[in-house]
Protein backbone atom coordinates (compact mmCIF):
# COMPACT_ATOMS: atom_id res chain seq x y z
CA MET A 1 0.00 0.00 0.00
CA ASN A 2 0.99 3.62 -0.43
CA LEU A 3 3.10 5.76 1.87
CA LEU A 4 2.08 9.32 2.74
CA LEU A 5 4.89 11.80 3.39
CA VAL A 6 3.92 15.09 5.09
CA ASP A 7 6.04 18.17 5.76
CA ALA A 8 4.04 20.69 7.82
CA GLY A 9 6.10 23.87 7.83
CA ASN A 10 5.51 27.31 9.26
CA THR A 11 3.35 28.43 6.33
CA ARG A 12 2.33 25.46 4.19
CA ILE A 13 1.76 21.73 4.28
CA LYS A 14 3.70 19.84 1.64
CA TRP A 15 2.86 16.20 0.99
CA ALA A 16 3.54 13.37 -1.40
CA ILE A 17 2.41 9.79 -2.03
CA ALA A 18 5.12 7.17 -2.57
CA LEU A 19 4.16 3.89 -4.18
CA PRO A 20 5.66 0.64 -2.87
CA GLY A 21 9.21 0.20 -4.17
CA ALA A 22 9.42 3.77 -5.52
CA ALA A 23 12.90 5.23 -5.85
CA LEU A 24 13.87 7.92 -3.38
CA GLY A 25 12.09 11.17 -4.23
CA GLU A 26 9.92 9.60 -6.94
CA TRP A 27 6.30 10.12 -5.96
CA GLU A 28 2.94 9.32 -7.48
CA THR A 29 1.73 12.79 -6.61
CA SER A 30 2.88 15.77 -4.56
CA HIS A 31 1.19 19.00 -3.50
CA ALA A 32 1.57 22.04 -1.26
CA ALA A 33 -1.21 24.07 0.35
CA PRO A 34 -1.77 26.56 3.17
CA HIS A 35 -2.67 25.14 6.58
CA LEU A 36 -6.27 26.27 6.12
CA ASP A 37 -6.78 23.88 3.19
CA LEU A 38 -6.74 20.73 5.31
CA THR A 39 -10.33 19.83 4.40
CA ASP A 40 -9.39 19.44 0.73
CA ILE A 41 -6.15 17.69 1.69
CA ALA A 42 -8.05 15.17 3.84
CA ALA A 43 -10.28 14.26 0.89
CA ALA A 44 -7.23 13.68 -1.32
CA TRP A 45 -5.61 11.52 1.34
CA ARG A 46 -8.72 9.36 1.68
CA ARG A 47 -8.65 8.64 -2.05
CA ALA A 48 -4.94 7.76 -2.12
CA GLY A 49 -4.98 4.21 -0.75
CA ILE A 50 -2.62 5.06 2.10
CA SER A 51 -1.54 2.39 4.59
CA ARG A 52 1.19 4.36 6.36
CA ALA A 53 2.13 7.99 6.99
CA ILE A 54 5.26 9.71 8.26
CA VAL A 55 4.75 13.34 9.31
CA SER A 56 7.25 16.11 10.06
CA ASN A 57 5.46 18.96 11.83
CA VAL A 58 7.06 22.21 13.03
CA ALA A 59 3.81 24.18 12.89
CA GLY A 60 2.68 23.48 16.44
CA LEU A 61 0.12 21.40 18.31
CA GLU A 62 -2.97 22.87 16.66
CA VAL A 63 -1.74 21.94 13.18
CA ARG A 64 -0.69 18.51 14.44
CA GLU A 65 -4.21 17.89 15.75
CA ARG A 66 -5.76 19.01 12.49
CA ILE A 67 -3.42 16.74 10.50
CA ALA A 68 -4.30 13.83 12.80
CA GLN A 69 -8.00 14.43 12.14
CA ALA A 70 -7.39 14.64 8.38
CA LEU A 71 -5.45 11.37 8.17
CA PRO A 72 -7.39 8.30 7.06
CA ALA A 73 -8.53 6.09 9.91
CA ALA A 74 -6.67 2.89 10.82
CA ILE A 75 -3.35 3.69 9.17
CA ALA A 76 0.05 3.53 10.85
CA VAL A 77 1.29 7.07 11.60
CA GLU A 78 4.80 8.10 12.65
CA TRP A 79 5.23 11.64 13.96
CA PHE A 80 8.80 12.12 12.84
CA ALA A 81 11.18 13.46 15.50
CA SER A 82 14.88 14.19 15.75
CA THR A 83 16.77 11.32 17.35
CA LEU A 84 20.40 10.45 17.94
CA ASP A 85 20.66 8.27 14.83
CA ARG A 86 18.41 7.62 11.83
CA ALA A 87 18.90 6.35 8.28
CA GLY A 88 22.70 6.60 8.44
CA LEU A 89 22.76 10.11 9.91
CA ARG A 90 24.18 10.79 13.39
CA ASN A 91 22.78 13.83 15.15
CA GLY A 92 25.58 16.02 16.50
CA TYR A 93 23.33 18.60 18.14
CA ARG A 94 24.23 19.25 21.78
CA LYS A 95 20.69 18.17 22.70
CA PRO A 96 19.61 15.99 19.75
CA GLY A 97 15.89 16.33 20.48
CA GLN A 98 16.09 20.12 20.13
CA LEU A 99 17.00 19.92 16.45
CA GLY A 100 13.96 20.79 14.34
CA CYS A 101 12.54 17.61 12.86
CA ASP A 102 12.35 19.25 9.43
CA ARG A 103 16.08 20.04 9.56
CA PHE A 104 16.84 16.47 10.65
CA ALA A 105 14.75 15.12 7.78
CA ALA A 106 16.41 17.50 5.30
CA ALA A 107 19.85 16.34 6.44
CA ILE A 108 18.82 12.70 6.04
CA GLY A 109 17.57 13.48 2.54
CA ALA A 110 20.75 15.33 1.64
CA ARG A 111 22.94 12.45 2.80
CA ALA A 112 20.80 9.98 0.86
CA LEU A 113 21.23 12.04 -2.32
CA ALA A 114 24.95 12.73 -1.82
CA PRO A 115 26.41 9.91 0.28
CA GLY A 116 30.02 10.08 1.39
CA GLN A 117 30.35 13.83 0.82
CA ASN A 118 30.64 16.94 2.96
CA ILE A 119 27.24 18.51 2.35
CA VAL A 120 25.60 21.86 3.00
CA VAL A 121 21.81 21.70 2.79
CA ALA A 122 19.92 24.98 2.66
CA THR A 123 16.15 25.00 3.10
CA CYS A 124 14.73 28.37 2.10
CA GLY A 125 11.25 29.01 3.44
CA THR A 126 9.73 31.26 6.08
CA ALA A 127 13.12 30.87 7.73
CA THR A 128 16.29 29.85 5.92
CA THR A 129 18.23 27.03 7.53
CA VAL A 130 21.76 26.18 6.40
CA ASP A 131 23.06 22.90 7.82
CA ALA A 132 26.26 20.89 7.49
CA VAL A 133 26.56 17.12 7.16
CA ARG A 134 29.98 15.49 7.26
CA ALA A 135 31.05 12.79 4.79
CA ASP A 136 30.99 10.17 7.57
CA GLY A 137 27.30 10.90 8.30
CA LEU A 138 27.58 13.32 11.22
CA PHE A 139 25.11 16.21 11.33
CA VAL A 140 27.46 18.96 12.50
CA GLY A 141 24.99 21.80 13.11
CA GLY A 142 23.85 24.83 11.20
CA MET A 143 22.54 28.36 10.86
CA ILE A 144 19.03 29.79 11.08
CA LEU A 145 18.21 33.17 9.57
CA PRO A 146 15.05 35.00 8.47
CA GLY A 147 13.81 33.99 5.05
CA LEU A 148 13.50 36.35 2.09
CA ALA A 149 9.95 37.46 2.88
CA LEU A 150 10.74 38.02 6.56
CA MET A 151 13.78 40.13 5.69
CA ALA A 152 11.75 42.26 3.29
CA ALA A 153 8.89 42.60 5.77
CA SER A 154 11.28 43.64 8.54
CA LEU A 155 12.63 46.46 6.39
CA ALA A 156 9.14 47.59 5.48
CA ARG A 157 8.03 47.56 9.12
CA ASN A 158 11.03 49.14 10.76
CA THR A 159 12.51 51.55 8.24
CA ALA A 160 10.80 54.79 7.29
CA GLN A 161 9.63 55.15 3.67
CA LEU A 162 10.92 51.78 2.46
CA PRO A 163 8.37 49.68 0.53
CA GLN A 164 7.79 45.99 1.16
CA VAL A 165 9.33 44.16 -1.75
CA ALA A 166 9.01 40.53 -2.78
CA PRO A 167 11.87 39.21 -4.91
CA GLY A 168 10.85 38.68 -8.53
CA ALA A 169 11.96 36.14 -11.13
CA ALA A 170 14.65 38.45 -12.54
CA ALA A 171 17.46 39.21 -10.11
CA PRO A 172 18.41 42.88 -9.81
CA PRO A 173 21.97 44.12 -10.33
CA LEU A 174 24.30 43.71 -7.38
CA PHE A 175 24.15 47.44 -6.68
CA GLY A 176 20.58 48.60 -7.22
CA ASP A 177 20.06 52.08 -8.67
CA ASN A 178 16.59 52.30 -7.11
CA THR A 179 15.27 51.43 -3.66
CA ASP A 180 13.29 48.35 -4.65
CA ASP A 181 16.25 46.76 -6.46
CA ALA A 182 18.60 47.70 -3.63
CA ILE A 183 16.38 45.91 -1.09
CA VAL A 184 16.06 42.77 -3.21
CA SER A 185 19.80 42.71 -3.94
CA GLY A 186 20.57 43.14 -0.26
CA ILE A 187 18.37 40.32 0.99
CA LEU A 188 19.41 37.95 -1.81
CA SER A 189 23.06 38.70 -1.05
CA ALA A 190 22.51 38.01 2.65
CA GLN A 191 20.89 34.64 1.92
CA ALA A 192 23.44 33.59 -0.70
CA GLY A 193 26.31 34.81 1.45
CA ALA A 194 25.26 32.63 4.38
CA ILE A 195 25.12 29.55 2.14
CA GLU A 196 28.46 30.33 0.48
CA ARG A 197 30.12 30.95 3.86
CA ALA A 198 28.79 27.60 5.12
CA CYS A 199 30.11 25.79 2.04
CA ALA A 200 33.56 27.38 2.44
CA GLY A 201 33.75 26.75 6.18
CA HIS A 202 32.59 23.12 5.87
CA GLY A 203 34.66 22.28 2.80
CA ALA A 204 31.45 21.15 1.13
CA SER A 205 31.63 19.17 -2.09
CA ALA A 206 27.82 19.18 -2.39
CA CYS A 207 25.34 22.00 -1.80
CA ILE A 208 21.65 21.15 -1.87
CA VAL A 209 19.12 23.99 -1.98
CA SER A 210 15.40 23.49 -1.37
CA GLY A 211 12.28 25.28 -0.16
CA GLY A 212 9.76 27.74 -1.53
CA ALA A 213 12.28 30.58 -1.97
CA ALA A 214 15.05 28.37 -3.37
CA THR A 215 14.43 29.36 -6.98
CA TYR A 216 15.07 33.01 -6.05
CA ILE A 217 18.17 32.38 -3.96
CA ALA A 218 19.95 29.62 -5.90
CA PRO A 219 20.78 31.74 -9.00
CA ALA A 220 22.56 34.24 -6.73
CA LEU A 221 24.97 31.57 -5.46
CA LYS A 222 28.62 31.59 -6.51
CA VAL A 223 29.03 27.90 -5.60
CA GLY A 224 27.77 24.85 -7.42
CA TYR A 225 24.43 23.59 -6.14
CA ARG A 226 21.67 21.05 -6.71
CA LEU A 227 18.10 22.31 -6.56
CA VAL A 228 15.75 19.77 -4.92
CA ASP A 229 12.00 20.34 -4.90
CA ASN A 230 11.38 19.24 -1.29
CA ILE A 231 14.38 17.87 0.57
CA VAL A 232 12.32 17.30 3.75
CA LEU A 233 10.01 14.89 1.92
CA VAL A 234 13.06 13.17 0.41
CA GLY A 235 14.41 12.71 3.93
CA LEU A 236 11.12 11.37 5.22
CA HIS A 237 11.06 8.90 2.33
CA ALA A 238 14.58 7.74 3.24
CA ALA A 239 13.71 7.52 6.95
CA ALA A 240 10.58 5.49 6.20
CA ALA A 241 12.72 2.90 4.43
CA ASP A 242 15.20 2.67 7.31
């Protein structure tokens, strides 16, 4: 029977259905929706022939309860959590349980896609997380910074006469000759700079970039990278097979 993979983030719920024997990251279907769309999500899950679900949730208890109600009855459900060791990844956090389960899943996914390498995995969403995985499978630790939208909103809120700007498809010049371009260039440079600094400091031979803002940030990078649609779901898929 089919496996349901769920990544409940700060803003959206991302999910995919993996058929039995499917290769890592190859899904029958995948979707993303705001938290408020759980009624429609529940109907889709009921039609999917699911026998098992693995759920990463960083959106809090209320969202967890709503996901639990939306899941089909009588299926096996694992609420994914950060542990000391899972799927070939060793958790090097000082208190392993404090590591966000989405970051742990992303690191598992990154290691599964690039085994035996020093990896930096950047997940670019509401927050941007930049984490390091060693070639021998140790999760070293990482960085957390505001995402693109949060950076832009902070400028709009706290700086007089600056507009709120969302990055567009076309990147501005490095040095903007108008305020909107200068804001976008600044926040893109901050995001890309954090990822590049992590790659240099970790000696990374692989950089994986994922998340809703990844398509904006990745082209600004001056290091080689692999763009992955949802690295958390890839990690959940790998963990489910462990």
